[in-house]
N, C-alpha and C. Protein backbone atom coordinates (compact mmCIF):
# COMPACT_ATOMS: atom_id res chain seq x y z
N MET A 1 -7.71 6.57 6.07
CA MET A 1 -6.90 5.42 5.69
C MET A 1 -5.43 5.73 6.03
N ASP A 2 -4.75 4.75 6.57
CA ASP A 2 -3.36 4.94 6.96
C ASP A 2 -2.42 4.32 5.92
N CYS A 3 -2.53 4.78 4.70
CA CYS A 3 -1.74 4.25 3.59
C CYS A 3 -0.68 5.28 3.21
N LEU A 4 0.57 4.88 3.26
CA LEU A 4 1.69 5.76 2.92
C LEU A 4 1.51 6.38 1.53
N PHE A 5 1.19 5.56 0.55
CA PHE A 5 1.07 6.08 -0.81
C PHE A 5 -0.14 6.97 -0.99
N CYS A 6 -1.25 6.68 -0.29
CA CYS A 6 -2.41 7.58 -0.35
C CYS A 6 -2.03 8.95 0.24
N LYS A 7 -1.18 8.95 1.26
CA LYS A 7 -0.73 10.22 1.84
C LYS A 7 0.16 10.99 0.87
N ILE A 8 0.96 10.28 0.09
CA ILE A 8 1.77 10.94 -0.96
C ILE A 8 0.85 11.53 -2.00
N VAL A 9 -0.16 10.77 -2.45
CA VAL A 9 -1.11 11.26 -3.44
C VAL A 9 -1.82 12.51 -2.93
N ALA A 10 -2.16 12.51 -1.64
CA ALA A 10 -2.89 13.65 -1.04
C ALA A 10 -1.98 14.85 -0.76
N GLY A 11 -0.67 14.65 -0.91
CA GLY A 11 0.27 15.75 -0.62
C GLY A 11 0.62 15.89 0.84
N GLU A 12 0.24 14.92 1.66
CA GLU A 12 0.52 14.96 3.09
C GLU A 12 1.95 14.56 3.40
N ILE A 13 2.55 13.75 2.52
CA ILE A 13 3.94 13.33 2.65
C ILE A 13 4.63 13.73 1.35
N PRO A 14 5.80 14.40 1.47
CA PRO A 14 6.49 14.82 0.25
C PRO A 14 7.13 13.65 -0.52
N ALA A 15 7.26 13.82 -1.80
CA ALA A 15 7.91 12.84 -2.65
C ALA A 15 8.61 13.60 -3.78
N ARG A 16 9.69 13.03 -4.28
CA ARG A 16 10.38 13.63 -5.43
C ARG A 16 9.67 13.17 -6.71
N LYS A 17 8.66 13.92 -7.10
CA LYS A 17 7.80 13.55 -8.21
C LYS A 17 8.50 13.68 -9.56
N LEU A 18 8.23 12.69 -10.39
CA LEU A 18 8.65 12.72 -11.79
C LEU A 18 7.49 13.11 -12.70
N TYR A 19 6.28 12.70 -12.30
CA TYR A 19 5.14 12.86 -13.18
C TYR A 19 3.87 12.72 -12.34
N GLU A 20 2.83 13.44 -12.79
CA GLU A 20 1.52 13.30 -12.18
C GLU A 20 0.45 13.67 -13.20
N ASP A 21 -0.62 12.88 -13.23
CA ASP A 21 -1.80 13.24 -14.01
C ASP A 21 -3.03 12.89 -13.17
N ASP A 22 -4.19 12.82 -13.78
CA ASP A 22 -5.40 12.59 -13.00
C ASP A 22 -5.53 11.15 -12.51
N GLN A 23 -4.72 10.22 -13.02
CA GLN A 23 -4.83 8.80 -12.63
C GLN A 23 -3.66 8.25 -11.84
N VAL A 24 -2.45 8.77 -12.13
CA VAL A 24 -1.25 8.19 -11.53
C VAL A 24 -0.30 9.28 -11.05
N ILE A 25 0.65 8.87 -10.23
CA ILE A 25 1.76 9.70 -9.83
C ILE A 25 3.01 8.83 -9.89
N ALA A 26 4.13 9.43 -10.29
CA ALA A 26 5.41 8.72 -10.35
C ALA A 26 6.41 9.52 -9.54
N PHE A 27 7.22 8.81 -8.75
CA PHE A 27 8.19 9.49 -7.90
C PHE A 27 9.39 8.59 -7.67
N HIS A 28 10.52 9.20 -7.33
CA HIS A 28 11.76 8.48 -7.08
C HIS A 28 11.62 7.60 -5.82
N ASP A 29 12.17 6.40 -5.86
CA ASP A 29 12.19 5.50 -4.70
C ASP A 29 13.14 6.07 -3.62
N ILE A 30 12.75 5.98 -2.36
CA ILE A 30 13.61 6.53 -1.30
C ILE A 30 14.81 5.64 -0.99
N GLY A 31 14.79 4.39 -1.47
CA GLY A 31 15.91 3.48 -1.28
C GLY A 31 16.30 2.88 -2.61
N PRO A 32 16.83 3.68 -3.53
CA PRO A 32 17.04 3.20 -4.90
C PRO A 32 17.95 1.98 -4.97
N GLN A 33 17.59 1.04 -5.86
CA GLN A 33 18.34 -0.18 -6.09
C GLN A 33 19.04 -0.16 -7.45
N ALA A 34 18.98 0.96 -8.13
CA ALA A 34 19.61 1.15 -9.43
C ALA A 34 19.79 2.65 -9.63
N PRO A 35 20.64 3.04 -10.57
CA PRO A 35 20.80 4.49 -10.84
C PRO A 35 19.47 5.19 -11.15
N VAL A 36 18.59 4.51 -11.85
CA VAL A 36 17.22 4.98 -12.05
C VAL A 36 16.31 4.02 -11.29
N HIS A 37 15.53 4.53 -10.36
CA HIS A 37 14.58 3.71 -9.62
C HIS A 37 13.43 4.62 -9.19
N PHE A 38 12.32 4.43 -9.84
CA PHE A 38 11.13 5.21 -9.47
C PHE A 38 9.92 4.30 -9.41
N LEU A 39 8.86 4.81 -8.81
CA LEU A 39 7.61 4.09 -8.67
C LEU A 39 6.52 4.78 -9.46
N VAL A 40 5.61 4.01 -10.02
CA VAL A 40 4.39 4.54 -10.62
C VAL A 40 3.24 3.94 -9.84
N ILE A 41 2.40 4.79 -9.28
CA ILE A 41 1.27 4.31 -8.49
C ILE A 41 -0.03 4.92 -8.98
N PRO A 42 -1.12 4.21 -8.84
CA PRO A 42 -2.41 4.82 -9.16
C PRO A 42 -2.85 5.73 -8.01
N LYS A 43 -3.56 6.76 -8.34
CA LYS A 43 -4.10 7.62 -7.28
C LYS A 43 -5.24 6.89 -6.53
N LYS A 44 -5.91 6.02 -7.23
CA LYS A 44 -6.96 5.19 -6.60
C LYS A 44 -6.28 4.15 -5.73
N HIS A 45 -6.78 3.98 -4.51
CA HIS A 45 -6.20 2.96 -3.61
C HIS A 45 -6.69 1.58 -4.03
N ILE A 46 -5.74 0.75 -4.39
CA ILE A 46 -5.96 -0.68 -4.67
C ILE A 46 -4.88 -1.38 -3.88
N SER A 47 -5.25 -2.22 -2.94
CA SER A 47 -4.27 -2.81 -2.01
C SER A 47 -3.24 -3.70 -2.69
N THR A 48 -3.66 -4.66 -3.49
CA THR A 48 -2.74 -5.60 -4.13
C THR A 48 -3.20 -5.88 -5.54
N LEU A 49 -2.34 -6.51 -6.32
CA LEU A 49 -2.73 -6.90 -7.67
C LEU A 49 -3.94 -7.83 -7.65
N ASN A 50 -4.08 -8.59 -6.57
CA ASN A 50 -5.23 -9.50 -6.45
C ASN A 50 -6.54 -8.73 -6.32
N ASP A 51 -6.47 -7.45 -5.99
CA ASP A 51 -7.67 -6.63 -5.81
C ASP A 51 -8.06 -5.85 -7.05
N LEU A 52 -7.30 -5.97 -8.13
CA LEU A 52 -7.68 -5.34 -9.39
C LEU A 52 -8.97 -5.97 -9.90
N SER A 53 -9.83 -5.15 -10.47
CA SER A 53 -11.05 -5.68 -11.09
C SER A 53 -10.97 -5.44 -12.60
N ALA A 54 -11.88 -6.04 -13.32
CA ALA A 54 -11.93 -5.82 -14.78
C ALA A 54 -12.10 -4.34 -15.07
N ALA A 55 -12.82 -3.63 -14.24
CA ALA A 55 -13.02 -2.20 -14.45
C ALA A 55 -11.70 -1.40 -14.34
N ASP A 56 -10.67 -1.98 -13.68
CA ASP A 56 -9.38 -1.32 -13.50
C ASP A 56 -8.43 -1.55 -14.69
N THR A 57 -8.87 -2.30 -15.69
CA THR A 57 -7.99 -2.62 -16.84
C THR A 57 -7.41 -1.36 -17.50
N PRO A 58 -8.20 -0.34 -17.79
CA PRO A 58 -7.58 0.87 -18.39
C PRO A 58 -6.55 1.53 -17.46
N LEU A 59 -6.80 1.53 -16.18
CA LEU A 59 -5.84 2.10 -15.22
C LEU A 59 -4.55 1.30 -15.21
N ALA A 60 -4.64 -0.03 -15.19
CA ALA A 60 -3.45 -0.88 -15.20
C ALA A 60 -2.62 -0.61 -16.45
N GLY A 61 -3.28 -0.46 -17.62
CA GLY A 61 -2.56 -0.15 -18.84
C GLY A 61 -1.91 1.21 -18.77
N HIS A 62 -2.57 2.16 -18.14
CA HIS A 62 -2.01 3.52 -18.02
C HIS A 62 -0.77 3.50 -17.13
N ILE A 63 -0.78 2.70 -16.07
CA ILE A 63 0.40 2.58 -15.20
C ILE A 63 1.58 2.04 -16.04
N LEU A 64 1.35 1.00 -16.80
CA LEU A 64 2.40 0.40 -17.62
C LEU A 64 2.93 1.35 -18.68
N PHE A 65 2.04 2.03 -19.37
CA PHE A 65 2.46 2.98 -20.40
C PHE A 65 3.23 4.16 -19.79
N THR A 66 2.78 4.63 -18.63
CA THR A 66 3.48 5.72 -17.95
C THR A 66 4.89 5.28 -17.57
N ALA A 67 5.03 4.06 -17.04
CA ALA A 67 6.34 3.54 -16.68
C ALA A 67 7.27 3.49 -17.89
N GLN A 68 6.76 3.00 -19.02
CA GLN A 68 7.56 2.92 -20.24
C GLN A 68 8.01 4.29 -20.72
N ARG A 69 7.11 5.24 -20.74
CA ARG A 69 7.42 6.60 -21.21
C ARG A 69 8.44 7.28 -20.31
N LEU A 70 8.25 7.16 -19.01
CA LEU A 70 9.18 7.79 -18.05
C LEU A 70 10.54 7.12 -18.07
N ALA A 71 10.59 5.80 -18.25
CA ALA A 71 11.87 5.11 -18.34
C ALA A 71 12.69 5.67 -19.50
N LYS A 72 12.04 5.86 -20.64
CA LYS A 72 12.73 6.47 -21.78
C LYS A 72 13.23 7.88 -21.43
N GLU A 73 12.37 8.68 -20.79
CA GLU A 73 12.76 10.04 -20.42
C GLU A 73 13.93 10.05 -19.44
N GLN A 74 14.07 9.00 -18.63
CA GLN A 74 15.13 8.92 -17.65
C GLN A 74 16.40 8.28 -18.21
N GLY A 75 16.43 8.03 -19.53
CA GLY A 75 17.63 7.53 -20.17
C GLY A 75 17.78 6.03 -20.19
N CYS A 76 16.68 5.31 -20.10
CA CYS A 76 16.74 3.84 -20.04
C CYS A 76 16.32 3.17 -21.35
N GLU A 77 16.62 3.84 -22.47
CA GLU A 77 16.22 3.30 -23.78
C GLU A 77 16.78 1.92 -24.04
N GLU A 78 17.96 1.61 -23.50
CA GLU A 78 18.61 0.32 -23.78
C GLU A 78 18.06 -0.82 -22.92
N GLY A 79 17.24 -0.50 -21.95
CA GLY A 79 16.63 -1.54 -21.14
C GLY A 79 16.33 -1.07 -19.73
N PHE A 80 15.33 -1.69 -19.16
CA PHE A 80 14.94 -1.41 -17.79
C PHE A 80 14.08 -2.57 -17.29
N ARG A 81 13.86 -2.60 -16.02
CA ARG A 81 13.04 -3.66 -15.42
C ARG A 81 11.84 -3.03 -14.71
N VAL A 82 10.69 -3.66 -14.82
CA VAL A 82 9.52 -3.26 -14.05
C VAL A 82 9.17 -4.40 -13.11
N VAL A 83 8.79 -4.06 -11.89
CA VAL A 83 8.48 -5.06 -10.88
C VAL A 83 7.24 -4.62 -10.12
N MET A 84 6.31 -5.55 -9.95
CA MET A 84 5.14 -5.32 -9.08
C MET A 84 5.05 -6.51 -8.13
N ASN A 85 5.25 -6.24 -6.85
CA ASN A 85 5.15 -7.29 -5.84
C ASN A 85 3.70 -7.42 -5.38
N CYS A 86 3.30 -8.61 -5.00
CA CYS A 86 1.93 -8.84 -4.56
C CYS A 86 1.91 -9.61 -3.24
N ASN A 87 1.40 -8.96 -2.23
CA ASN A 87 1.27 -9.50 -0.87
C ASN A 87 2.62 -9.75 -0.21
N ASP A 88 2.58 -10.10 1.05
CA ASP A 88 3.82 -10.22 1.84
C ASP A 88 4.78 -11.25 1.26
N LEU A 89 4.30 -12.40 0.87
CA LEU A 89 5.16 -13.45 0.34
C LEU A 89 5.83 -13.01 -0.97
N GLY A 90 5.17 -12.15 -1.72
CA GLY A 90 5.73 -11.61 -2.95
C GLY A 90 6.63 -10.43 -2.73
N GLY A 91 6.80 -9.98 -1.48
CA GLY A 91 7.70 -8.88 -1.18
C GLY A 91 7.03 -7.51 -1.12
N GLN A 92 5.70 -7.47 -1.14
CA GLN A 92 5.02 -6.18 -1.09
C GLN A 92 5.06 -5.63 0.34
N THR A 93 5.59 -4.42 0.49
CA THR A 93 5.71 -3.82 1.83
C THR A 93 4.73 -2.68 2.03
N VAL A 94 4.27 -2.04 0.97
CA VAL A 94 3.22 -1.02 1.05
C VAL A 94 2.02 -1.58 0.30
N HIS A 95 0.93 -1.71 0.99
CA HIS A 95 -0.26 -2.32 0.39
C HIS A 95 -1.11 -1.30 -0.33
N HIS A 96 -0.54 -0.82 -1.43
CA HIS A 96 -1.17 0.07 -2.42
C HIS A 96 -0.36 -0.28 -3.68
N ILE A 97 -1.03 -0.80 -4.70
CA ILE A 97 -0.25 -1.30 -5.84
C ILE A 97 0.69 -0.21 -6.36
N HIS A 98 1.86 -0.70 -6.80
CA HIS A 98 2.88 0.21 -7.33
C HIS A 98 3.82 -0.57 -8.21
N MET A 99 4.31 0.11 -9.23
CA MET A 99 5.24 -0.49 -10.16
C MET A 99 6.61 0.14 -9.94
N HIS A 100 7.60 -0.67 -9.66
CA HIS A 100 8.99 -0.22 -9.59
C HIS A 100 9.54 -0.22 -11.01
N VAL A 101 10.28 0.83 -11.34
CA VAL A 101 10.99 0.90 -12.63
C VAL A 101 12.46 1.10 -12.29
N LEU A 102 13.31 0.16 -12.72
CA LEU A 102 14.73 0.22 -12.42
C LEU A 102 15.53 0.19 -13.72
N GLY A 103 16.57 1.04 -13.80
CA GLY A 103 17.35 1.06 -15.03
C GLY A 103 18.72 1.66 -14.84
N GLN A 104 19.42 1.69 -15.95
CA GLN A 104 20.80 2.20 -16.07
C GLN A 104 21.83 1.36 -15.32
N ARG A 105 21.55 0.07 -15.18
CA ARG A 105 22.53 -0.91 -14.75
C ARG A 105 22.09 -2.26 -15.29
N GLN A 106 23.03 -3.20 -15.37
CA GLN A 106 22.69 -4.54 -15.83
C GLN A 106 21.89 -5.24 -14.76
N MET A 107 20.76 -5.82 -15.15
CA MET A 107 19.90 -6.55 -14.21
C MET A 107 20.29 -8.04 -14.27
N ALA A 108 20.17 -8.70 -13.14
CA ALA A 108 20.48 -10.14 -13.05
C ALA A 108 19.21 -10.95 -13.06
N TRP A 109 19.35 -12.23 -13.38
CA TRP A 109 18.24 -13.17 -13.34
C TRP A 109 18.70 -14.48 -12.72
N PRO A 110 18.01 -15.07 -11.82
CA PRO A 110 16.73 -14.64 -11.29
C PRO A 110 16.89 -13.43 -10.36
N PRO A 111 15.79 -12.67 -10.18
CA PRO A 111 15.89 -11.45 -9.42
C PRO A 111 16.08 -11.64 -7.93
N GLY A 112 15.67 -12.76 -7.35
CA GLY A 112 15.93 -12.97 -5.92
C GLY A 112 14.81 -13.37 -5.11
């Protein structure tokens, strides 16, 4: 499979890791849009949010909980934003689900 994030999971491409367990990996974004900007991705390849199944519900919850815990560890107790893009029209550029976590700056609305 020619998936950038699968290659990061496999250790074929380096990443500045924040966290890793048997289900997810979290690493700093290479083009940060905030003082804190990291991604949480599942180790299992799932192309888009539309491809999640009911069986993936525990994994989806683990991604969200990991994002919340790491945001706190990164000093974002006062607030942070999580973003998951879906498909090209939604702004997804890597087709392996991933959650962006951005913090330590004021976020605007609408996001863009």
